[in-house]
Protein backbone atom coordinates (compact mmCIF):
# COMPACT_ATOMS: atom_id res chain seq x y z
CA MET A 1 84.43 57.41 -41.05
CA LEU A 2 83.27 60.72 -42.50
CA GLN A 3 84.51 64.01 -40.81
CA ASP A 4 81.97 66.74 -39.82
CA THR A 5 83.52 70.25 -39.62
CA SER A 6 80.32 72.21 -39.31
CA ALA A 7 80.97 73.11 -35.64
CA VAL A 8 84.38 74.59 -36.34
CA SER A 9 82.96 77.67 -37.97
CA ILE A 10 80.73 78.34 -34.94
CA VAL A 11 83.67 78.16 -32.56
CA VAL A 12 85.76 80.39 -34.74
CA VAL A 13 82.97 82.96 -34.96
CA ALA A 14 82.44 82.86 -31.20
CA VAL A 15 86.15 83.36 -30.55
CA MET A 16 86.28 86.23 -33.01
CA ILE A 17 83.22 87.89 -31.46
CA PHE A 18 84.69 87.48 -27.97
CA GLY A 19 87.97 88.95 -29.11
CA LEU A 20 86.14 91.84 -30.72
CA LEU A 21 84.26 92.54 -27.47
CA ILE A 22 87.52 92.48 -25.53
CA THR A 23 89.04 94.85 -28.06
CA ILE A 24 86.07 97.19 -27.85
CA ALA A 25 86.11 97.07 -24.04
CA ALA A 26 89.84 97.75 -23.97
CA TYR A 27 89.41 100.60 -26.45
CA LEU A 28 86.57 102.12 -24.38
CA ASN A 29 88.58 101.71 -21.20
CA VAL A 30 91.63 103.39 -22.71
CA TYR A 31 90.08 106.16 -24.79
CA TYR A 32 86.50 106.86 -23.65
CA ILE A 33 85.94 105.83 -20.02
CA PRO A 34 88.65 108.17 -18.65
CA SER A 35 87.14 111.04 -20.63
CA TRP A 36 83.61 110.21 -19.52
CA ALA A 37 84.74 109.75 -15.90
CA GLU A 38 86.68 113.04 -16.03
CA ASP A 39 83.59 114.86 -17.30
CA ALA A 40 81.48 113.24 -14.57
CA GLU A 41 84.02 114.22 -11.88
CA ALA A 42 84.15 117.77 -13.26
CA LYS A 43 80.35 117.98 -13.09
CA HIS A 44 80.38 116.65 -9.54
CA ALA A 45 83.04 119.25 -8.60
CA ARG A 46 80.84 122.05 -9.95
CA ASN A 47 77.85 120.78 -7.99
CA ALA A 48 79.91 120.38 -4.81
CA PHE A 49 81.31 123.91 -5.18
CA THR A 50 77.81 125.32 -5.66
CA ASP A 51 76.69 123.63 -2.44
CA PHE A 52 79.83 124.70 -0.55
CA SER A 53 79.42 128.31 -1.72
CA ALA A 54 76.11 128.47 0.15
CA ILE A 55 77.99 128.35 3.47
CA PRO A 56 78.65 132.13 3.78
CA GLY A 57 74.96 132.86 3.19
CA ALA A 58 73.99 130.29 5.82
CA ILE A 59 76.35 131.88 8.37
CA ASN A 60 75.11 135.38 7.53
CA GLY A 61 71.56 134.14 8.06
CA LEU A 62 72.45 132.84 11.52
CA VAL A 63 74.09 136.17 12.39
CA LEU A 64 71.12 138.23 11.18
CA ALA A 65 68.68 136.05 13.13
CA ASN A 66 71.00 136.15 16.19
CA GLU A 67 69.45 132.88 17.32
CA THR A 68 71.80 130.51 19.13
CA ASP A 69 69.32 127.61 19.04
CA ALA A 70 68.97 127.56 15.26
CA ILE A 71 71.03 125.16 13.11
CA SER A 72 71.75 125.71 9.43
CA LYS A 73 72.22 122.52 7.40
CA GLN A 74 74.08 122.26 4.11
CA ARG A 75 74.27 118.91 2.28
CA ILE A 76 77.28 118.16 0.06
CA GLU A 77 77.94 115.01 -1.97
CA LEU A 78 81.55 114.10 -1.26
CA GLY A 79 82.07 111.79 -4.24
CA GLY A 80 80.47 110.72 -7.48
CA SER A 81 81.32 110.39 -11.18
CA ASP A 82 80.62 106.65 -11.38
CA ILE A 83 79.55 105.20 -14.76
CA PRO A 84 77.16 102.26 -14.34
CA VAL A 85 78.53 98.89 -15.56
CA LEU A 86 81.53 100.41 -17.32
CA SER A 87 83.11 102.22 -14.31
CA PRO A 88 81.07 101.86 -11.13
CA VAL A 89 83.83 103.16 -8.81
CA ARG A 90 83.02 106.56 -7.30
CA SER A 91 85.47 109.33 -6.45
CA TRP A 92 85.95 110.33 -2.82
CA GLY A 93 86.11 113.54 -0.85
CA SER A 94 86.47 114.94 2.67
CA LEU A 95 84.52 117.69 4.42
CA GLY A 96 84.77 119.37 7.78
CA VAL A 97 86.24 121.96 10.09
CA VAL A 98 89.91 122.76 10.58
CA PRO A 99 90.00 124.75 13.85
CA GLN A 100 92.91 126.98 14.87
CA GLU A 101 93.90 127.49 11.22
CA GLY A 102 93.92 130.59 9.03
CA ASN A 103 94.29 133.25 11.73
CA PHE A 104 92.63 136.58 10.87
CA THR A 105 93.89 139.29 13.24
CA VAL A 106 92.76 142.91 13.55
CA LYS A 107 94.80 145.48 15.47
CA ALA A 108 94.09 149.17 16.04
CA ASP A 109 94.66 151.97 18.52
CA ALA A 110 91.02 152.97 18.83
CA TRP A 111 88.62 154.82 21.08
CA VAL A 112 86.31 152.44 22.89
CA VAL A 113 83.26 153.13 24.99
CA ASN A 114 82.91 152.20 28.64
CA ILE A 115 79.30 152.11 29.85
CA GLU A 116 78.73 152.03 33.61
CA GLY A 117 75.48 152.27 35.53
CA ASN A 118 75.25 155.26 37.84
CA VAL A 119 72.74 157.09 40.02
CA THR A 120 72.85 160.75 40.93
CA SER A 121 70.52 162.68 43.22
CA GLY A 122 70.41 165.93 45.09
CA GLU A 123 68.38 168.74 46.54
CA LEU A 124 67.82 172.17 45.00
CA GLN A 125 66.32 175.33 46.49
CA LYS A 126 65.12 178.48 44.75
CA TRP A 127 68.22 179.23 42.61
CA GLY A 128 69.88 175.81 42.62
CA ARG A 129 71.53 174.17 39.61
CA ALA A 130 73.00 170.68 39.00
CA THR A 131 74.44 168.99 35.90
CA THR A 132 74.76 165.29 35.07
CA ALA A 133 77.31 164.58 32.32
CA ASN A 134 78.13 161.85 29.78
CA ILE A 135 74.73 160.18 29.67
CA SER A 136 74.05 157.43 27.13
CA ASP A 137 70.56 156.47 28.32
CA ILE A 138 68.33 156.97 31.34
CA SER A 139 66.31 154.30 33.11
CA LEU A 140 64.80 156.47 35.85
CA PHE A 141 64.33 160.22 36.19
CA TYR A 142 61.98 161.84 38.66
CA VAL A 143 61.76 164.95 40.80
CA ASP A 144 59.97 165.48 44.10
CA ILE A 145 58.60 168.94 44.85
CA TYR A 146 57.14 169.50 48.32
CA THR A 147 56.66 172.11 51.06
CA LYS A 148 56.10 172.09 54.77
CA SER A 149 53.32 174.67 54.30
CA SER A 150 49.88 174.43 52.77
CA LYS A 151 50.19 177.89 51.26
CA PHE A 152 50.27 178.40 47.49
CA LEU A 153 53.50 178.13 45.60
CA SER A 154 54.88 181.38 44.24
CA ASN A 155 55.67 181.83 40.56
CA GLY A 156 58.85 180.07 39.47
CA LYS A 157 60.21 177.38 37.18
CA LEU A 158 62.00 174.08 37.26
CA ILE A 159 63.96 173.68 34.00
CA ILE A 160 65.56 170.45 32.74
CA ASN A 161 67.53 170.92 29.53
CA PHE A 162 70.51 169.77 27.48
CA THR A 163 73.64 171.82 27.97
CA ASN A 164 74.53 172.07 24.26
CA ARG A 165 71.43 171.34 22.14
CA PRO A 166 67.70 172.07 21.98
CA GLY A 167 65.11 170.12 23.92
CA ARG A 168 63.88 170.86 27.44
CA VAL A 169 61.17 170.52 30.08
CA GLU A 170 59.79 173.45 32.08
CA ILE A 171 57.62 173.03 35.16
CA GLU A 172 56.00 176.29 36.20
CA SER A 173 54.79 176.87 39.73
CA GLY A 174 52.00 179.23 40.76
CA LYS A 175 48.27 179.25 41.21
CA GLY A 176 47.72 178.71 37.47
CA THR A 177 44.82 179.68 35.30
CA ILE A 178 42.74 176.50 35.57
CA GLY A 179 41.30 175.81 38.95
CA LYS A 180 43.98 174.90 41.47
CA CYS A 181 46.62 173.54 39.06
CA TYR A 182 49.71 174.69 40.93
CA LEU A 183 52.26 172.97 38.63
CA GLN A 184 52.12 172.97 34.82
CA LEU A 185 54.56 171.07 32.58
CA SER A 186 55.66 171.96 29.03
CA THR A 187 58.11 170.08 26.78
CA TRP A 188 60.06 171.21 23.70
CA GLY A 189 61.63 168.76 21.27
CA GLY A 190 65.08 168.83 19.70
CA ASP A 191 63.65 170.69 16.71
CA GLY A 192 62.41 173.50 18.96
CA ASN A 193 58.73 172.60 18.56
CA LYS A 194 56.54 172.26 21.63
CA ILE A 195 55.42 168.67 22.32
CA VAL A 196 53.44 169.24 25.54
CA ASP A 197 51.86 172.59 26.45
CA LYS A 198 51.07 173.42 30.08
CA LEU A 199 50.00 169.95 31.17
CA CYS A 200 48.66 170.01 34.72
CA VAL A 201 50.71 168.01 37.25
CA HIS A 202 48.53 166.62 39.99
CA LYS A 203 49.44 166.43 43.63
CA ASP A 204 50.38 163.04 45.08
CA SER A 205 49.65 161.61 48.49
CA ALA A 206 52.36 162.95 50.74
CA PRO A 207 54.68 160.48 52.49
CA SER A 208 54.95 160.86 56.24
CA ASN A 209 58.19 162.85 55.97
CA LYS A 210 56.83 165.27 53.35
CA GLY A 211 54.58 168.30 53.72
CA PRO A 212 50.99 168.73 52.56
CA GLU A 213 52.03 170.06 49.13
CA TYR A 214 53.79 167.07 47.54
CA TYR A 215 54.35 166.29 43.84
CA ARG A 216 56.30 163.40 42.36
CA ILE A 217 57.00 163.91 38.64
CA ASP A 218 58.21 160.90 36.63
CA LEU A 219 59.83 162.61 33.67
CA LEU A 220 60.02 159.34 31.69
CA ASN A 221 56.24 159.07 31.73
CA PRO A 222 55.27 159.06 28.01
CA CYS A 223 52.54 161.62 28.58
CA TYR A 224 55.21 164.24 29.39
CA GLY A 225 57.01 163.82 26.04
CA PHE A 226 60.54 164.08 27.48
CA SER A 227 61.30 160.36 27.02
CA LYS A 228 60.99 160.87 23.25
CA VAL A 229 63.30 163.87 23.40
CA LEU A 230 65.91 161.73 25.17
CA ARG A 231 65.57 158.87 22.65
CA ASP A 232 66.19 161.28 19.76
CA ALA A 233 69.25 162.87 21.37
CA ASP A 234 72.76 162.02 20.19
CA THR A 235 74.81 160.30 22.87
CA PRO A 236 76.51 161.19 25.06
CA TYR A 237 74.66 164.22 26.37
CA ASN A 238 74.62 166.38 29.52
CA LEU A 239 71.46 167.35 31.41
CA THR A 240 71.09 170.35 33.72
CA VAL A 241 68.39 170.71 36.39
CA ILE A 242 67.74 174.39 37.25
CA ALA A 243 65.53 175.87 39.95
CA ASP A 244 64.47 179.33 38.78
CA HIS A 245 62.95 181.30 41.68
CA LEU A 246 61.04 178.38 43.14
CA GLY A 247 59.65 179.21 46.57
CA LEU A 248 56.60 179.97 48.71
CA VAL A 249 54.42 183.05 49.03
CA ASP A 250 55.50 183.22 52.62
CA GLU A 251 58.83 181.49 53.06
CA ALA A 252 58.60 181.99 56.79
CA GLU A 253 56.37 178.94 56.65
CA GLY A 254 59.37 176.96 55.41
CA PRO A 255 61.05 176.79 51.99
CA MET A 256 59.81 174.75 49.06
CA LEU A 257 62.14 171.79 48.50
CA LEU A 258 63.07 169.93 45.32
CA ASN A 259 64.79 166.55 45.14
CA TYR A 260 65.85 164.91 41.89
CA THR A 261 67.04 161.37 41.15
CA ILE A 262 68.53 160.11 37.85
CA ALA A 263 69.50 156.49 37.19
CA TYR A 264 71.50 156.36 33.99
CA ASN A 265 74.32 154.73 32.04
CA GLU A 266 77.45 156.81 32.03
CA TYR A 267 79.30 157.01 28.70
CA ASN A 268 83.08 157.35 28.79
CA LYS A 269 85.70 156.96 26.06
CA SER A 270 89.25 155.67 26.36
CA LEU A 271 92.00 155.03 23.82
CA VAL A 272 93.07 151.38 23.91
CA HIS A 273 95.27 149.08 21.87
CA TYR A 274 92.70 146.68 20.43
CA SER A 275 93.77 143.26 19.13
CA ALA A 276 91.59 140.27 18.32
CA THR A 277 92.01 137.09 16.27
CA SER A 278 89.47 134.82 14.62
CA ASN A 279 90.45 131.48 13.12
CA GLY A 280 89.20 128.16 11.80
CA THR A 281 88.32 127.18 8.25
CA LEU A 282 85.75 124.97 6.56
CA ILE A 283 87.24 122.73 3.86
CA TYR A 284 86.04 120.35 1.17
CA GLU A 285 88.80 118.38 -0.61
CA SER A 286 88.22 116.05 -3.54
CA MET A 287 90.04 112.76 -4.22
CA ASN A 288 89.38 112.23 -7.92
CA ARG A 289 90.71 109.56 -10.25
CA TYR A 290 90.76 111.61 -13.45
CA PHE A 291 89.77 115.26 -12.89
CA LEU A 292 92.05 117.72 -11.12
CA ASN A 293 91.79 117.56 -7.35
CA GLN A 294 90.41 120.73 -5.79
CA LYS A 295 89.95 122.30 -2.38
CA PHE A 296 87.12 124.62 -1.41
CA ILE A 297 88.06 126.74 1.61
CA TYR A 298 85.88 129.05 3.72
CA GLN A 299 87.78 131.65 5.74
CA SER A 300 86.33 134.77 7.40
CA GLY A 301 83.38 135.03 5.02
CA ALA A 302 85.30 134.27 1.79
CA VAL A 303 85.22 131.06 -0.27
CA PHE A 304 88.32 130.06 -2.24
CA LEU A 305 88.55 127.60 -5.11
CA CYS A 306 92.00 126.05 -4.92
CA GLN A 307 93.88 123.91 -7.42
CA PRO A 308 97.29 124.04 -5.75
CA PRO A 309 99.37 126.04 -6.28
CA ASP A 310 96.59 128.29 -7.65
CA ALA A 311 93.90 129.85 -5.45
CA SER A 312 91.01 132.07 -6.46
CA MET A 313 88.56 133.96 -4.20
CA ARG A 314 85.16 133.08 -5.68
CA THR A 315 82.77 134.28 -2.94
CA LEU A 316 83.60 137.67 -1.45
CA PRO A 317 83.46 138.28 2.31
CA THR A 318 81.16 140.89 3.83
CA ILE A 319 84.05 143.11 4.94
CA ALA A 320 83.16 146.57 3.66
CA ILE A 321 84.68 150.06 3.36
CA GLU A 322 82.26 152.92 2.70
CA ASN A 323 82.70 156.68 2.64
CA THR A 324 80.68 158.55 5.25
CA THR A 325 80.99 162.30 5.81
CA ASN A 326 83.79 164.81 6.30
CA GLY A 327 86.26 162.68 4.34
CA SER A 328 86.00 159.71 6.71
CA ALA A 329 85.05 156.09 6.07
CA ARG A 330 83.28 153.26 7.87
CA ILE A 331 85.06 149.89 7.93
CA THR A 332 82.90 146.92 8.88
CA ILE A 333 84.69 143.66 9.70
CA PRO A 334 82.79 140.52 10.75
CA MET A 335 85.37 138.29 12.45
CA VAL A 336 84.18 134.68 12.13
CA THR A 337 85.75 131.96 14.25
CA VAL A 338 84.84 128.38 13.28
CA GLY A 339 85.18 125.55 15.80
CA THR A 340 83.91 122.00 16.23
CA GLY A 341 82.63 122.01 19.78
CA VAL A 342 83.63 119.41 22.35
CA HIS A 343 84.31 115.75 21.47
CA ARG A 344 83.27 116.04 17.85
CA THR A 345 84.93 114.68 14.72
CA PRO A 346 86.22 117.65 12.72
CA MET A 347 86.51 115.92 9.31
CA ILE A 348 84.62 113.15 7.53
CA SER A 349 85.54 111.32 4.30
CA GLY A 350 83.58 109.20 1.87
CA SER A 351 81.68 109.25 -1.38
CA GLY A 352 78.14 109.73 -0.10
CA VAL A 353 76.08 112.77 0.85
CA GLU A 354 77.18 114.45 4.07
CA GLU A 355 75.53 117.25 6.01
CA LEU A 356 77.46 120.21 7.38
CA GLN A 357 75.60 121.59 10.38
CA LEU A 358 76.35 125.17 11.48
CA LYS A 359 75.28 126.76 14.76
CA LEU A 360 75.78 130.28 16.11
CA GLU A 361 77.44 130.09 19.51
CA ARG A 362 78.31 133.74 20.12
CA LEU A 363 77.68 137.13 18.54
CA SER A 364 78.82 140.43 19.97
CA ARG A 365 79.83 143.86 18.72
CA VAL A 366 82.98 145.57 19.94
CA SER A 367 82.06 148.80 21.74
CA PHE A 368 84.08 151.26 19.71
CA ALA A 369 83.06 154.89 20.01
CA GLU A 370 80.72 156.29 17.38
CA GLY A 371 82.28 158.48 14.72
CA ASN A 372 85.95 158.46 13.77
CA ASN A 373 87.59 156.21 16.35
CA THR A 374 90.94 155.31 14.72
CA HIS A 375 93.34 156.23 11.91
CA ASN A 376 95.10 152.91 11.24
CA VAL A 377 93.70 149.39 11.10
CA HIS A 378 96.20 146.54 10.75
CA ILE A 379 94.88 143.22 9.41
CA ILE A 380 97.19 140.17 9.53
CA ILE A 381 95.96 137.15 7.55
CA GLU A 382 97.48 133.66 7.64
CA PRO A 383 96.74 131.12 4.89
CA PRO A 384 95.64 127.50 5.37
CA GLU A 385 98.26 124.77 5.14
CA GLY A 386 100.03 124.50 1.78
CA ASP A 387 103.33 125.00 -0.03
CA GLU A 388 104.97 128.37 -0.57
CA ASN A 389 103.47 129.03 -4.01
CA PHE A 390 99.98 128.20 -2.77
CA ARG A 391 100.32 130.48 0.27
CA LYS A 392 101.54 133.34 -1.91
CA ASP A 393 98.67 132.98 -4.39
CA TYR A 394 96.11 132.62 -1.60
CA LEU A 395 97.27 135.72 0.30
CA GLN A 396 97.54 137.74 -2.91
CA GLU A 397 93.81 137.18 -3.39
CA TRP A 398 93.17 138.81 0.01
CA ALA A 399 95.43 141.73 -0.92
CA ASN A 400 93.57 142.19 -4.21
CA TYR A 401 90.25 142.17 -2.37
CA PHE A 402 91.25 144.94 0.07
CA ASN A 403 92.75 147.02 -2.74
CA LYS A 404 89.46 146.71 -4.61
CA ILE A 405 87.11 147.66 -1.75
CA ALA A 406 89.37 150.55 -0.68
CA GLY A 407 89.39 151.98 -4.19
CA GLY A 408 87.22 155.07 -4.51
CA THR A 409 87.10 155.61 -0.74
CA SER A 410 89.10 157.88 1.55
CA VAL A 411 90.97 154.83 2.91
CA GLU A 412 94.29 153.66 1.52
CA ALA A 413 95.15 149.93 1.63
CA ASN A 414 98.85 149.05 1.98
CA PRO A 415 99.79 145.33 1.82
CA GLU A 416 103.09 144.23 3.36
CA TRP A 417 104.73 140.82 2.93
CA PRO A 418 106.99 139.18 5.53
CA PRO A 419 110.64 140.20 5.03
CA ASP A 420 111.81 136.56 4.80
CA ASP A 421 109.57 135.85 1.76
CA SER A 422 108.02 132.93 3.62
CA TYR A 423 104.47 134.00 2.75
CA ALA A 424 103.44 132.84 6.20
CA ASN A 425 101.08 135.83 6.39
CA ILE A 426 100.28 139.19 4.87
CA LYS A 427 99.77 142.45 6.75
CA ILE A 428 97.30 144.89 5.24
CA THR A 429 97.22 148.38 6.78
CA LEU A 430 94.20 150.59 6.19
CA ASN A 431 94.99 154.30 6.67
CA GLY A 432 92.53 157.16 6.95
CA SER A 433 89.95 158.76 9.18
CA ILE A 434 88.09 155.59 10.13
CA TYR A 435 84.99 154.52 12.00
CA LEU A 436 85.84 150.90 12.82
CA ASP A 437 82.97 148.49 13.43
CA ILE A 438 83.77 144.87 14.36
CA GLN A 439 81.47 141.91 14.96
CA ASP A 440 82.81 139.00 17.00
CA ILE A 441 81.17 135.80 15.69
CA TYR A 442 81.73 132.20 16.78
CA ILE A 443 80.28 129.41 14.64
CA GLU A 444 80.23 125.76 15.66
CA GLY A 445 80.42 123.35 12.73
CA ARG A 446 80.03 119.58 12.62
CA THR A 447 79.40 116.91 10.00
CA SER A 448 76.63 114.31 9.95
CA ARG A 449 76.47 111.31 7.62
CA ILE A 450 73.36 111.15 5.40
CA SER A 451 74.17 108.31 2.98
CA SER A 452 77.13 106.19 1.96
């Protein structure tokens, strides 16, 4: 029987081709796929950091709008870097809120303002005088002028003025030059210019307990101009009500009476030991197969790019130090607390697109006194969880930031490390003549799954 070997060559070729494919696949898997996957993971990390870096702007937008019903949404792809067919496995990541972490504490002995509602009233006759002190704003201010007689008022003045600055109202009594205008009102502004000139004040219907000559003057009526003078005045201010020879032609008929009533907010200052702490961080952490794992951390307005043990502040907070006048400086510190709300999952992991939802829960401004209200501000910053080298590098970035913003101002920044070299926190003391301004901000953050 004759042998046919024609099929042997086909089998040999097929085996050789198969072996070549395996060799190529192994070569790609060893030398190229890790490099391609690493590049893809690096690209994904850049995109994720760009998205994460939008968080401070989103929070600032909520604060500027001061709208507690608004929600800011920021989408971040947790994983990626898959290569179709060759390496379809995606990297992973986690995103969310870590409450009660990264304490940011501010302490200062500072002058604060206490505002209390108050009402003062009284009666003046002929040469009477009364002063109301420490006024921040007035909600009601009127005077009643009345007599028990129907005779004409004699010449005299009612004067309302500031005790230590320009701006006043004068109400002149007398028959007047125009008809029977017995009271005429004039107002001068803080610049000394006259706003209202001899405006006639008309008589009101007399209540049963008042005489026939009765005038009620609402000094906050815009037509009198004094409300504008009060708005332009620096607070606090003192007002004096003066009766200058007010009376009747014949006082035997009974004296002319003047009652005044002022409803106002009283402005008082007190020196207190102020201490407040904000905390909570927002974190994205990658779980890559080839590229370096990274953490993105938001704390008190700053965004850090972390490759432990290294940390770098990439987005600066809105804490500011600016020179004002007379060698003093204004220090503005937004203190941002981040929480999760009730019964909400703080962190979420996966490889899909997740949505970080941010909502403003509270915004208030600490009522420090205007002008220079303190000389020393102590800021104690704690880092997120990490080893000693990471904590040191992280806190050094905060120290560098305060040194930078204090440079060129009248404020000196002095960082101080814990004596045990634990790097559990850093204390930064700002010395100088300081106007401290602090915003208390609470942000609620939660995650919502978009795709897997």
